Amino acid sequence: MRDQKKRIGALAVLILYFFVGYGITNRLNMFRDHFFDVSLPFESSIPFIPAFSLGYLTVYIAIFGVYFLYPRWENFKPMAKSFFYLSTIHFLLFLLIPVKMVRPDLSGLGNDIFVNLMRFFYMIDLPVNCFPSLHVAYPSLATCLIWKQHPRWRLLFLFLALLTAVSVVLIKQHYILDAVGGIIISVLVFLLDKNKNV
């Protein structure tokens, strides 16, 4: 019971830290006059596919998956620290390397569930805080964390991470290099955090 309370508390702190940190940096970046362009030459020809908004949501499965796969506090604590480090690095990079996404006009795309879901995403998440993609980094780190101790879950977590990376590009939330950057940062956090219990 004590382990569960500690894990719930740590998870709540991480969620609050994400919303506060992401929200502040997201709003601050909207006041900038200059943004870095990390788009690749061919990216403008990549189609916008609203159905991949479902893939965009799979990030939460990966994050909460780590929570359920590590029921003991002594094992979950270093995982929580890794996610805290990951978020902090991203918040700093959002401010140091501001990137703004060019989003499609959704006004003429009808009212199906996927388009409306994208309208909701675009409304709550301003088109900044792009590089590196924290949305891709979270499931990527989760995959690294469970890789050794939970081998039967490897392919599922890897699939979720890759699906998220593809989805953020196809729904025009991130550029390809944003997704690549998120993967690289998550792997570096995993490799450099010597306190992790894996």
N, C-alpha and C. Protein backbone atom coordinates (compact mmCIF):
# COMPACT_ATOMS: atom_id res chain seq x y z
N MET A 1 0.83 -1.21 0.00
CA MET A 1 0.00 0.00 0.00
C MET A 1 0.86 1.26 0.00
N ARG A 2 1.95 1.23 0.80
CA ARG A 2 2.83 2.40 0.84
C ARG A 2 3.50 2.62 -0.51
N ASP A 3 3.93 1.51 -1.16
CA ASP A 3 4.54 1.63 -2.49
C ASP A 3 3.57 2.26 -3.48
N GLN A 4 2.30 1.83 -3.41
CA GLN A 4 1.31 2.35 -4.34
C GLN A 4 1.10 3.85 -4.14
N LYS A 5 1.05 4.30 -2.89
CA LYS A 5 0.86 5.72 -2.61
C LYS A 5 2.04 6.54 -3.13
N LYS A 6 3.26 6.01 -2.95
CA LYS A 6 4.44 6.72 -3.43
C LYS A 6 4.45 6.81 -4.95
N ARG A 7 4.06 5.71 -5.60
CA ARG A 7 4.04 5.69 -7.06
C ARG A 7 2.99 6.64 -7.60
N ILE A 8 1.80 6.64 -6.98
CA ILE A 8 0.74 7.55 -7.41
C ILE A 8 1.18 8.99 -7.21
N GLY A 9 1.82 9.27 -6.07
CA GLY A 9 2.30 10.62 -5.80
C GLY A 9 3.33 11.07 -6.82
N ALA A 10 4.27 10.17 -7.14
CA ALA A 10 5.31 10.51 -8.11
C ALA A 10 4.71 10.73 -9.49
N LEU A 11 3.75 9.89 -9.86
CA LEU A 11 3.10 10.04 -11.16
C LEU A 11 2.34 11.36 -11.24
N ALA A 12 1.67 11.73 -10.14
CA ALA A 12 0.93 12.99 -10.10
C ALA A 12 1.88 14.18 -10.24
N VAL A 13 3.03 14.10 -9.58
CA VAL A 13 4.01 15.18 -9.68
C VAL A 13 4.53 15.30 -11.10
N LEU A 14 4.81 14.17 -11.75
CA LEU A 14 5.30 14.19 -13.13
C LEU A 14 4.27 14.80 -14.07
N ILE A 15 3.01 14.44 -13.89
CA ILE A 15 1.95 14.97 -14.75
C ILE A 15 1.81 16.48 -14.54
N LEU A 16 1.83 16.91 -13.27
CA LEU A 16 1.74 18.34 -12.97
C LEU A 16 2.93 19.09 -13.53
N TYR A 17 4.12 18.50 -13.38
CA TYR A 17 5.35 19.12 -13.89
C TYR A 17 5.27 19.28 -15.41
N PHE A 18 4.75 18.27 -16.08
CA PHE A 18 4.60 18.36 -17.53
C PHE A 18 3.67 19.51 -17.92
N PHE A 19 2.48 19.54 -17.32
CA PHE A 19 1.50 20.56 -17.70
C PHE A 19 1.99 21.97 -17.41
N VAL A 20 2.63 22.17 -16.26
CA VAL A 20 3.13 23.50 -15.90
C VAL A 20 4.31 23.87 -16.80
N GLY A 21 5.30 22.98 -16.90
CA GLY A 21 6.48 23.27 -17.70
C GLY A 21 6.18 23.44 -19.17
N TYR A 22 5.37 22.53 -19.71
CA TYR A 22 5.03 22.62 -21.13
C TYR A 22 4.17 23.85 -21.39
N GLY A 23 3.22 24.09 -20.50
CA GLY A 23 2.33 25.24 -20.70
C GLY A 23 3.07 26.56 -20.69
N ILE A 24 3.99 26.73 -19.75
CA ILE A 24 4.74 27.98 -19.66
C ILE A 24 5.64 28.18 -20.88
N THR A 25 6.40 27.15 -21.25
CA THR A 25 7.29 27.28 -22.40
C THR A 25 6.50 27.45 -23.69
N ASN A 26 5.35 26.79 -23.79
CA ASN A 26 4.50 26.90 -24.97
C ASN A 26 4.03 28.34 -25.17
N ARG A 27 3.59 28.97 -24.08
CA ARG A 27 3.11 30.35 -24.18
C ARG A 27 4.25 31.33 -24.41
N LEU A 28 5.38 31.11 -23.74
CA LEU A 28 6.52 32.01 -23.92
C LEU A 28 7.00 32.01 -25.37
N ASN A 29 7.04 30.83 -25.97
CA ASN A 29 7.55 30.72 -27.34
C ASN A 29 6.64 31.38 -28.37
N MET A 30 5.37 31.57 -28.03
CA MET A 30 4.46 32.21 -28.97
C MET A 30 4.76 33.70 -29.14
N PHE A 31 5.54 34.28 -28.22
CA PHE A 31 5.88 35.70 -28.31
C PHE A 31 7.17 35.94 -29.09
N ARG A 32 7.77 34.89 -29.60
CA ARG A 32 9.03 35.03 -30.33
C ARG A 32 8.80 35.55 -31.74
N ASP A 33 9.81 36.25 -32.24
CA ASP A 33 9.77 36.74 -33.61
C ASP A 33 10.52 35.82 -34.57
N HIS A 34 11.42 35.00 -34.03
CA HIS A 34 12.24 34.14 -34.88
C HIS A 34 12.13 32.69 -34.44
N PHE A 35 12.00 31.80 -35.43
CA PHE A 35 11.96 30.37 -35.16
C PHE A 35 12.93 29.67 -36.11
N PHE A 36 13.53 28.59 -35.63
CA PHE A 36 14.42 27.79 -36.46
C PHE A 36 13.57 26.91 -37.38
N ASP A 37 14.05 26.72 -38.59
CA ASP A 37 13.37 25.86 -39.55
C ASP A 37 14.10 24.52 -39.62
N VAL A 38 13.48 23.48 -39.09
CA VAL A 38 14.11 22.15 -39.09
C VAL A 38 13.42 21.22 -40.09
N SER A 39 12.55 21.77 -40.91
CA SER A 39 11.83 20.94 -41.88
C SER A 39 12.77 20.47 -42.98
N LEU A 40 12.53 19.27 -43.45
CA LEU A 40 13.28 18.72 -44.58
C LEU A 40 12.61 19.16 -45.88
N PRO A 41 13.36 19.24 -46.98
CA PRO A 41 12.81 19.77 -48.24
C PRO A 41 11.54 19.08 -48.73
N PHE A 42 11.40 17.79 -48.47
CA PHE A 42 10.25 17.05 -49.01
C PHE A 42 9.05 17.01 -48.06
N GLU A 43 9.18 17.59 -46.89
CA GLU A 43 8.11 17.42 -45.90
C GLU A 43 6.80 18.09 -46.27
N SER A 44 6.86 19.12 -47.08
CA SER A 44 5.62 19.78 -47.49
C SER A 44 4.74 18.86 -48.33
N SER A 45 5.33 17.82 -48.91
CA SER A 45 4.56 16.88 -49.74
C SER A 45 4.01 15.71 -48.93
N ILE A 46 4.37 15.62 -47.66
CA ILE A 46 3.83 14.55 -46.81
C ILE A 46 2.36 14.85 -46.54
N PRO A 47 1.48 13.89 -46.78
CA PRO A 47 0.05 14.16 -46.61
C PRO A 47 -0.35 14.35 -45.15
N PHE A 48 -1.39 15.12 -44.95
CA PHE A 48 -2.00 15.27 -43.64
C PHE A 48 -3.08 14.21 -43.50
N ILE A 49 -2.94 13.31 -42.50
CA ILE A 49 -3.88 12.20 -42.34
C ILE A 49 -4.48 12.26 -40.93
N PRO A 50 -5.65 12.86 -40.79
CA PRO A 50 -6.26 13.04 -39.47
C PRO A 50 -6.47 11.75 -38.68
N ALA A 51 -6.64 10.62 -39.37
CA ALA A 51 -6.88 9.34 -38.67
C ALA A 51 -5.73 8.98 -37.74
N PHE A 52 -4.54 9.50 -38.02
CA PHE A 52 -3.40 9.20 -37.17
C PHE A 52 -3.44 9.98 -35.85
N SER A 53 -4.52 10.73 -35.63
CA SER A 53 -4.71 11.34 -34.32
C SER A 53 -4.86 10.27 -33.24
N LEU A 54 -5.36 9.10 -33.64
CA LEU A 54 -5.44 7.98 -32.68
C LEU A 54 -4.04 7.49 -32.30
N GLY A 55 -3.15 7.45 -33.28
CA GLY A 55 -1.77 7.08 -32.99
C GLY A 55 -1.10 8.08 -32.09
N TYR A 56 -1.50 9.33 -32.22
CA TYR A 56 -0.96 10.40 -31.38
C TYR A 56 -1.31 10.18 -29.91
N LEU A 57 -2.45 9.54 -29.67
CA LEU A 57 -2.90 9.29 -28.29
C LEU A 57 -2.23 8.09 -27.64
N THR A 58 -1.57 7.24 -28.42
CA THR A 58 -0.97 6.03 -27.85
C THR A 58 0.19 6.33 -26.91
N VAL A 59 0.68 7.57 -26.92
CA VAL A 59 1.76 7.95 -26.01
C VAL A 59 1.38 7.65 -24.56
N TYR A 60 0.11 7.82 -24.22
CA TYR A 60 -0.32 7.63 -22.84
C TYR A 60 -0.28 6.16 -22.43
N ILE A 61 -0.49 5.26 -23.38
CA ILE A 61 -0.41 3.83 -23.08
C ILE A 61 1.01 3.48 -22.65
N ALA A 62 1.99 4.01 -23.35
CA ALA A 62 3.38 3.72 -23.04
C ALA A 62 3.78 4.27 -21.68
N ILE A 63 3.37 5.50 -21.39
CA ILE A 63 3.74 6.14 -20.12
C ILE A 63 3.14 5.39 -18.94
N PHE A 64 1.84 5.13 -19.01
CA PHE A 64 1.19 4.45 -17.90
C PHE A 64 1.58 2.97 -17.86
N GLY A 65 2.04 2.45 -18.99
CA GLY A 65 2.53 1.07 -19.01
C GLY A 65 3.71 0.89 -18.07
N VAL A 66 4.62 1.86 -18.04
CA VAL A 66 5.77 1.80 -17.14
C VAL A 66 5.28 1.79 -15.69
N TYR A 67 4.27 2.59 -15.42
CA TYR A 67 3.72 2.66 -14.07
C TYR A 67 3.22 1.28 -13.61
N PHE A 68 2.50 0.59 -14.47
CA PHE A 68 1.92 -0.70 -14.09
C PHE A 68 2.95 -1.83 -14.11
N LEU A 69 3.98 -1.71 -14.90
CA LEU A 69 4.98 -2.77 -14.98
C LEU A 69 5.99 -2.72 -13.83
N TYR A 70 6.01 -1.62 -13.11
CA TYR A 70 6.92 -1.49 -11.98
C TYR A 70 6.13 -1.16 -10.72
N PRO A 71 5.48 -2.17 -10.11
CA PRO A 71 4.62 -1.93 -8.95
C PRO A 71 5.38 -1.61 -7.65
N ARG A 72 6.66 -1.89 -7.61
CA ARG A 72 7.44 -1.61 -6.39
C ARG A 72 8.11 -0.24 -6.50
N TRP A 73 8.03 0.51 -5.42
CA TRP A 73 8.54 1.88 -5.41
C TRP A 73 10.04 1.93 -5.72
N GLU A 74 10.80 1.00 -5.20
CA GLU A 74 12.25 1.02 -5.40
C GLU A 74 12.62 0.84 -6.87
N ASN A 75 11.76 0.20 -7.63
CA ASN A 75 11.98 0.04 -9.07
C ASN A 75 11.40 1.20 -9.87
N PHE A 76 10.25 1.71 -9.39
CA PHE A 76 9.58 2.78 -10.12
C PHE A 76 10.28 4.13 -9.92
N LYS A 77 10.88 4.35 -8.76
CA LYS A 77 11.49 5.65 -8.45
C LYS A 77 12.52 6.09 -9.50
N PRO A 78 13.48 5.22 -9.88
CA PRO A 78 14.44 5.65 -10.91
C PRO A 78 13.79 5.90 -12.27
N MET A 79 12.69 5.18 -12.55
CA MET A 79 11.95 5.43 -13.79
C MET A 79 11.37 6.84 -13.78
N ALA A 80 10.77 7.20 -12.64
CA ALA A 80 10.17 8.53 -12.51
C ALA A 80 11.23 9.61 -12.67
N LYS A 81 12.41 9.37 -12.10
CA LYS A 81 13.50 10.34 -12.24
C LYS A 81 13.91 10.51 -13.70
N SER A 82 13.95 9.43 -14.42
CA SER A 82 14.32 9.49 -15.83
C SER A 82 13.33 10.35 -16.62
N PHE A 83 12.03 10.17 -16.35
CA PHE A 83 11.02 10.98 -17.03
C PHE A 83 11.13 12.45 -16.63
N PHE A 84 11.48 12.70 -15.37
CA PHE A 84 11.67 14.08 -14.90
C PHE A 84 12.84 14.73 -15.64
N TYR A 85 13.95 14.01 -15.74
CA TYR A 85 15.11 14.53 -16.47
C TYR A 85 14.75 14.80 -17.93
N LEU A 86 14.03 13.85 -18.53
CA LEU A 86 13.65 13.98 -19.93
C LEU A 86 12.81 15.23 -20.17
N SER A 87 11.82 15.44 -19.32
CA SER A 87 10.96 16.60 -19.45
C SER A 87 11.76 17.90 -19.29
N THR A 88 12.64 17.93 -18.30
CA THR A 88 13.43 19.13 -18.03
C THR A 88 14.31 19.49 -19.22
N ILE A 89 14.97 18.51 -19.79
CA ILE A 89 15.82 18.75 -20.96
C ILE A 89 15.00 19.31 -22.12
N HIS A 90 13.83 18.74 -22.32
CA HIS A 90 12.98 19.22 -23.42
C HIS A 90 12.51 20.66 -23.18
N PHE A 91 12.12 20.98 -21.96
CA PHE A 91 11.68 22.34 -21.68
C PHE A 91 12.79 23.35 -21.99
N LEU A 92 14.02 22.99 -21.63
CA LEU A 92 15.16 23.88 -21.90
C LEU A 92 15.40 24.01 -23.40
N LEU A 93 15.33 22.90 -24.11
CA LEU A 93 15.56 22.93 -25.57
C LEU A 93 14.44 23.67 -26.30
N PHE A 94 13.22 23.59 -25.79
CA PHE A 94 12.12 24.35 -26.40
C PHE A 94 12.44 25.84 -26.42
N LEU A 95 13.08 26.31 -25.33
CA LEU A 95 13.41 27.73 -25.22
C LEU A 95 14.67 28.09 -25.99
N LEU A 96 15.62 27.16 -26.04
CA LEU A 96 16.89 27.42 -26.72
C LEU A 96 16.80 27.27 -28.23
N ILE A 97 15.96 26.33 -28.68
CA ILE A 97 15.82 26.06 -30.12
C ILE A 97 14.34 26.14 -30.48
N PRO A 98 13.76 27.33 -30.49
CA PRO A 98 12.33 27.44 -30.80
C PRO A 98 12.01 27.08 -32.24
N VAL A 99 11.06 26.19 -32.41
CA VAL A 99 10.62 25.75 -33.73
C VAL A 99 9.09 25.86 -33.77
N LYS A 100 8.58 26.39 -34.87
CA LYS A 100 7.14 26.54 -35.03
C LYS A 100 6.65 25.68 -36.20
N MET A 101 5.61 24.92 -35.94
CA MET A 101 5.06 24.02 -36.96
C MET A 101 4.08 24.76 -37.85
N VAL A 102 4.17 24.52 -39.15
CA VAL A 102 3.19 25.06 -40.10
C VAL A 102 2.06 24.05 -40.21
N ARG A 103 0.91 24.42 -39.71
CA ARG A 103 -0.22 23.50 -39.66
C ARG A 103 -1.17 23.71 -40.83
N PRO A 104 -1.89 22.66 -41.21
CA PRO A 104 -2.86 22.79 -42.31
C PRO A 104 -4.13 23.51 -41.85
N ASP A 105 -4.85 24.05 -42.80
CA ASP A 105 -6.13 24.69 -42.53
C ASP A 105 -7.20 23.60 -42.46
N LEU A 106 -7.86 23.48 -41.31
CA LEU A 106 -8.85 22.42 -41.11
C LEU A 106 -10.27 22.86 -41.42
N SER A 107 -10.44 24.11 -41.82
CA SER A 107 -11.79 24.65 -41.98
C SER A 107 -12.61 23.94 -43.06
N GLY A 108 -11.98 23.43 -44.10
CA GLY A 108 -12.74 22.80 -45.18
C GLY A 108 -12.70 21.29 -45.16
N LEU A 109 -12.36 20.68 -44.03
CA LEU A 109 -12.18 19.23 -43.97
C LEU A 109 -13.35 18.48 -43.35
N GLY A 110 -14.46 19.16 -43.15
CA GLY A 110 -15.64 18.48 -42.62
C GLY A 110 -15.60 18.34 -41.11
N ASN A 111 -16.45 17.43 -40.59
CA ASN A 111 -16.60 17.29 -39.14
C ASN A 111 -16.53 15.85 -38.68
N ASP A 112 -15.73 15.02 -39.34
CA ASP A 112 -15.62 13.65 -38.85
C ASP A 112 -14.83 13.64 -37.55
N ILE A 113 -14.85 12.52 -36.86
CA ILE A 113 -14.28 12.42 -35.53
C ILE A 113 -12.78 12.73 -35.50
N PHE A 114 -12.06 12.31 -36.54
CA PHE A 114 -10.61 12.52 -36.56
C PHE A 114 -10.26 13.99 -36.78
N VAL A 115 -10.98 14.65 -37.66
CA VAL A 115 -10.73 16.06 -37.92
C VAL A 115 -11.08 16.88 -36.68
N ASN A 116 -12.18 16.54 -36.03
CA ASN A 116 -12.56 17.25 -34.81
C ASN A 116 -11.56 17.01 -33.69
N LEU A 117 -11.01 15.82 -33.66
CA LEU A 117 -9.97 15.54 -32.67
C LEU A 117 -8.73 16.40 -32.93
N MET A 118 -8.40 16.57 -34.20
CA MET A 118 -7.27 17.42 -34.56
C MET A 118 -7.55 18.89 -34.22
N ARG A 119 -8.77 19.31 -34.42
CA ARG A 119 -9.13 20.69 -34.05
C ARG A 119 -8.93 20.89 -32.55
N PHE A 120 -9.27 19.88 -31.78
CA PHE A 120 -9.09 19.95 -30.32
C PHE A 120 -7.61 20.03 -29.97
N PHE A 121 -6.80 19.15 -30.60
CA PHE A 121 -5.36 19.17 -30.35
C PHE A 121 -4.76 20.53 -30.69
N TYR A 122 -5.13 21.05 -31.85
CA TYR A 122 -4.58 22.33 -32.29
C TYR A 122 -5.01 23.48 -31.37
N MET A 123 -6.19 23.36 -30.77
CA MET A 123 -6.69 24.40 -29.90
C MET A 123 -5.94 24.44 -28.57
N ILE A 124 -5.67 23.26 -28.00
CA ILE A 124 -5.04 23.23 -26.67
C ILE A 124 -3.52 23.27 -26.74
N ASP A 125 -2.95 22.93 -27.89
CA ASP A 125 -1.50 22.87 -28.03
C ASP A 125 -1.06 23.83 -29.14
N LEU A 126 -0.46 24.93 -28.76
CA LEU A 126 -0.02 25.92 -29.74
C LEU A 126 1.08 25.31 -30.62
N PRO A 127 1.29 25.84 -31.84
CA PRO A 127 2.20 25.21 -32.81
C PRO A 127 3.69 25.44 -32.55
N VAL A 128 4.06 25.50 -31.27
CA VAL A 128 5.48 25.66 -30.91
C VAL A 128 5.87 24.51 -29.98
N ASN A 129 7.03 24.60 -29.33
CA ASN A 129 7.55 23.49 -28.51
C ASN A 129 7.66 22.22 -29.36
N CYS A 130 8.25 22.40 -30.52
CA CYS A 130 8.30 21.29 -31.48
C CYS A 130 9.58 20.46 -31.38
N PHE A 131 10.72 21.14 -31.21
CA PHE A 131 12.00 20.42 -31.26
C PHE A 131 12.67 20.41 -29.90
N PRO A 132 13.02 19.20 -29.43
CA PRO A 132 12.66 17.87 -29.96
C PRO A 132 11.25 17.49 -29.49
N SER A 133 10.68 16.49 -30.11
CA SER A 133 9.31 16.10 -29.78
C SER A 133 9.25 15.35 -28.46
N LEU A 134 8.63 15.99 -27.47
CA LEU A 134 8.44 15.33 -26.18
C LEU A 134 7.42 14.21 -26.30
N HIS A 135 6.49 14.38 -27.23
CA HIS A 135 5.47 13.36 -27.45
C HIS A 135 6.10 12.05 -27.93
N VAL A 136 7.14 12.16 -28.72
CA VAL A 136 7.86 10.97 -29.18
C VAL A 136 8.84 10.48 -28.12
N ALA A 137 9.42 11.40 -27.38
CA ALA A 137 10.44 11.04 -26.39
C ALA A 137 9.87 10.18 -25.26
N TYR A 138 8.66 10.46 -24.82
CA TYR A 138 8.09 9.70 -23.71
C TYR A 138 7.96 8.20 -24.02
N PRO A 139 7.30 7.80 -25.10
CA PRO A 139 7.22 6.36 -25.37
C PRO A 139 8.57 5.76 -25.74
N SER A 140 9.47 6.57 -26.28
CA SER A 140 10.82 6.06 -26.61
C SER A 140 11.58 5.73 -25.32
N LEU A 141 11.50 6.62 -24.34
CA LEU A 141 12.14 6.35 -23.06
C LEU A 141 11.49 5.15 -22.37
N ALA A 142 10.16 5.09 -22.44
CA ALA A 142 9.46 3.95 -21.84
C ALA A 142 9.94 2.63 -22.43
N THR A 143 10.15 2.62 -23.74
CA THR A 143 10.65 1.42 -24.41
C THR A 143 12.03 1.03 -23.89
N CYS A 144 12.90 2.01 -23.74
CA CYS A 144 14.24 1.75 -23.22
C CYS A 144 14.17 1.19 -21.80
N LEU A 145 13.29 1.76 -20.98
CA LEU A 145 13.23 1.38 -19.57
C LEU A 145 12.73 -0.04 -19.34
N ILE A 146 11.83 -0.49 -20.19
CA ILE A 146 11.26 -1.84 -19.97
C ILE A 146 12.01 -2.92 -20.76
N TRP A 147 12.95 -2.50 -21.63
CA TRP A 147 13.54 -3.42 -22.60
C TRP A 147 14.19 -4.64 -21.97
N LYS A 148 14.95 -4.45 -20.90
CA LYS A 148 15.70 -5.57 -20.32
C LYS A 148 14.85 -6.40 -19.36
N GLN A 149 14.09 -5.76 -18.49
CA GLN A 149 13.37 -6.49 -17.45
C GLN A 149 12.03 -7.04 -17.90
N HIS A 150 11.47 -6.50 -18.97
CA HIS A 150 10.15 -6.97 -19.44
C HIS A 150 10.21 -7.28 -20.93
N PRO A 151 10.98 -8.28 -21.32
CA PRO A 151 11.19 -8.56 -22.75
C PRO A 151 9.92 -8.90 -23.51
N ARG A 152 8.91 -9.47 -22.84
CA ARG A 152 7.70 -9.84 -23.58
C ARG A 152 6.87 -8.62 -23.99
N TRP A 153 7.18 -7.47 -23.37
CA TRP A 153 6.47 -6.23 -23.72
C TRP A 153 7.26 -5.37 -24.70
N ARG A 154 8.45 -5.82 -25.07
CA ARG A 154 9.32 -5.01 -25.92
C ARG A 154 8.66 -4.57 -27.22
N LEU A 155 8.14 -5.52 -27.95
CA LEU A 155 7.61 -5.22 -29.28
C LEU A 155 6.41 -4.27 -29.20
N LEU A 156 5.58 -4.44 -28.18
CA LEU A 156 4.43 -3.55 -28.03
C LEU A 156 4.90 -2.12 -27.78
N PHE A 157 5.83 -1.94 -26.85
CA PHE A 157 6.32 -0.61 -26.53
C PHE A 157 7.07 0.00 -27.72
N LEU A 158 7.83 -0.82 -28.41
CA LEU A 158 8.54 -0.33 -29.59
C LEU A 158 7.54 0.10 -30.67
N PHE A 159 6.51 -0.70 -30.86
CA PHE A 159 5.47 -0.36 -31.83
C PHE A 159 4.79 0.96 -31.47
N LEU A 160 4.48 1.14 -30.18
CA LEU A 160 3.82 2.37 -29.74
C LEU A 160 4.71 3.59 -29.96
N ALA A 161 6.01 3.42 -29.70
CA ALA A 161 6.94 4.53 -29.90
C ALA A 161 7.03 4.91 -31.38
N LEU A 162 7.13 3.89 -32.24
CA LEU A 162 7.22 4.15 -33.68
C LEU A 162 5.92 4.72 -34.23
N LEU A 163 4.79 4.20 -33.73
CA LEU A 163 3.49 4.71 -34.18
C LEU A 163 3.33 6.17 -33.79
N THR A 164 3.76 6.50 -32.59
CA THR A 164 3.69 7.89 -32.15
C THR A 164 4.55 8.78 -33.04
N ALA A 165 5.77 8.31 -33.35
CA ALA A 165 6.68 9.10 -34.18
C ALA A 165 6.10 9.35 -35.57
N VAL A 166 5.51 8.31 -36.16
CA VAL A 166 4.89 8.46 -37.48
C VAL A 166 3.67 9.37 -37.40
N SER A 167 2.89 9.20 -36.34
CA SER A 167 1.64 9.95 -36.20
C SER A 167 1.87 11.45 -36.07
N VAL A 168 2.87 11.86 -35.27
CA VAL A 168 3.09 13.30 -35.06
C VAL A 168 3.47 13.99 -36.36
N VAL A 169 4.08 13.24 -37.28
CA VAL A 169 4.45 13.80 -38.57
C VAL A 169 3.23 13.87 -39.50
N LEU A 170 2.42 12.82 -39.49
CA LEU A 170 1.28 12.75 -40.41
C LEU A 170 0.11 13.63 -39.99
N ILE A 171 0.07 14.05 -38.73
CA ILE A 171 -1.00 14.98 -38.33
C ILE A 171 -0.44 16.40 -38.20
N LYS A 172 0.78 16.60 -38.69
CA LYS A 172 1.41 17.92 -38.76
C LYS A 172 1.54 18.59 -37.39
N GLN A 173 1.90 17.77 -36.40
CA GLN A 173 2.23 18.32 -35.09
C GLN A 173 3.73 18.54 -34.95
N HIS A 174 4.50 17.76 -35.72
CA HIS A 174 5.96 17.84 -35.65
C HIS A 174 6.58 17.58 -37.01
N TYR A 175 7.80 18.07 -37.16
CA TYR A 175 8.61 17.74 -38.32
C TYR A 175 9.34 16.43 -38.04
N ILE A 176 9.90 15.84 -39.08
CA ILE A 176 10.62 14.57 -38.94
C ILE A 176 11.78 14.71 -37.97
N LEU A 177 12.54 15.80 -38.08
CA LEU A 177 13.69 15.99 -37.18
C LEU A 177 13.26 16.20 -35.74
N ASP A 178 12.05 16.70 -35.52
CA ASP A 178 11.53 16.80 -34.15
C ASP A 178 11.41 15.40 -33.54
N ALA A 179 10.84 14.49 -34.34
CA ALA A 179 10.65 13.12 -33.87
C ALA A 179 11.99 12.43 -33.64
N VAL A 180 12.91 12.60 -34.59
CA VAL A 180 14.25 12.01 -34.44
C VAL A 180 14.94 12.56 -33.21
N GLY A 181 14.82 13.87 -33.00
CA GLY A 181 15.43 14.49 -31.83
C GLY A 181 14.86 13.93 -30.53
N GLY A 182 13.55 13.70 -30.49
CA GLY A 182 12.94 13.14 -29.30
C GLY A 182 13.45 11.75 -28.99
N ILE A 183 13.64 10.95 -30.02
CA ILE A 183 14.18 9.59 -29.83
C ILE A 183 15.61 9.66 -29.31
N ILE A 184 16.43 10.52 -29.90
CA ILE A 184 17.84 10.63 -29.49
C ILE A 184 17.96 11.09 -28.05
N ILE A 185 17.20 12.10 -27.66
CA ILE A 185 17.26 12.60 -26.29
C ILE A 185 16.83 11.53 -25.29
N SER A 186 15.79 10.79 -25.62
CA SER A 186 15.31 9.75 -24.71
C SER A 186 16.36 8.64 -24.53
N VAL A 187 17.01 8.27 -25.61
CA VAL A 187 18.05 7.23 -25.52
C VAL A 187 19.24 7.74 -24.70
N LEU A 188 19.61 9.00 -24.90
CA LEU A 188 20.71 9.58 -24.14
C LEU A 188 20.39 9.65 -22.65
N VAL A 189 19.17 10.04 -22.32
CA VAL A 189 18.77 10.08 -20.91
C VAL A 189 18.85 8.69 -20.31
N PHE A 190 18.39 7.71 -21.04
CA PHE A 190 18.44 6.32 -20.56
C PHE A 190 19.88 5.87 -20.34
N LEU A 191 20.76 6.17 -21.28
CA LEU A 191 22.15 5.71 -21.19
C LEU A 191 22.95 6.45 -20.12
N LEU A 192 22.64 7.73 -19.91
CA LEU A 192 23.44 8.57 -19.01
C LEU A 192 22.93 8.56 -17.57
N ASP A 193 21.68 8.15 -17.36
CA ASP A 193 21.13 8.13 -16.01
C ASP A 193 21.57 6.85 -15.31
N LYS A 194 22.59 6.97 -14.49
CA LYS A 194 23.17 5.79 -13.84
C LYS A 194 22.36 5.33 -12.64
N ASN A 195 21.31 6.09 -12.28
CA ASN A 195 20.49 5.72 -11.14
C ASN A 195 19.34 4.80 -11.52
N LYS A 196 19.15 4.57 -12.80
CA LYS A 196 18.03 3.75 -13.23
C LYS A 196 18.23 2.31 -12.77
N ASN A 197 17.15 1.66 -12.45
CA ASN A 197 17.21 0.29 -11.94
C ASN A 197 16.68 -0.65 -13.01
N VAL A 198 17.54 -0.97 -13.99
CA VAL A 198 17.11 -1.86 -15.07
C VAL A 198 18.10 -2.99 -15.23
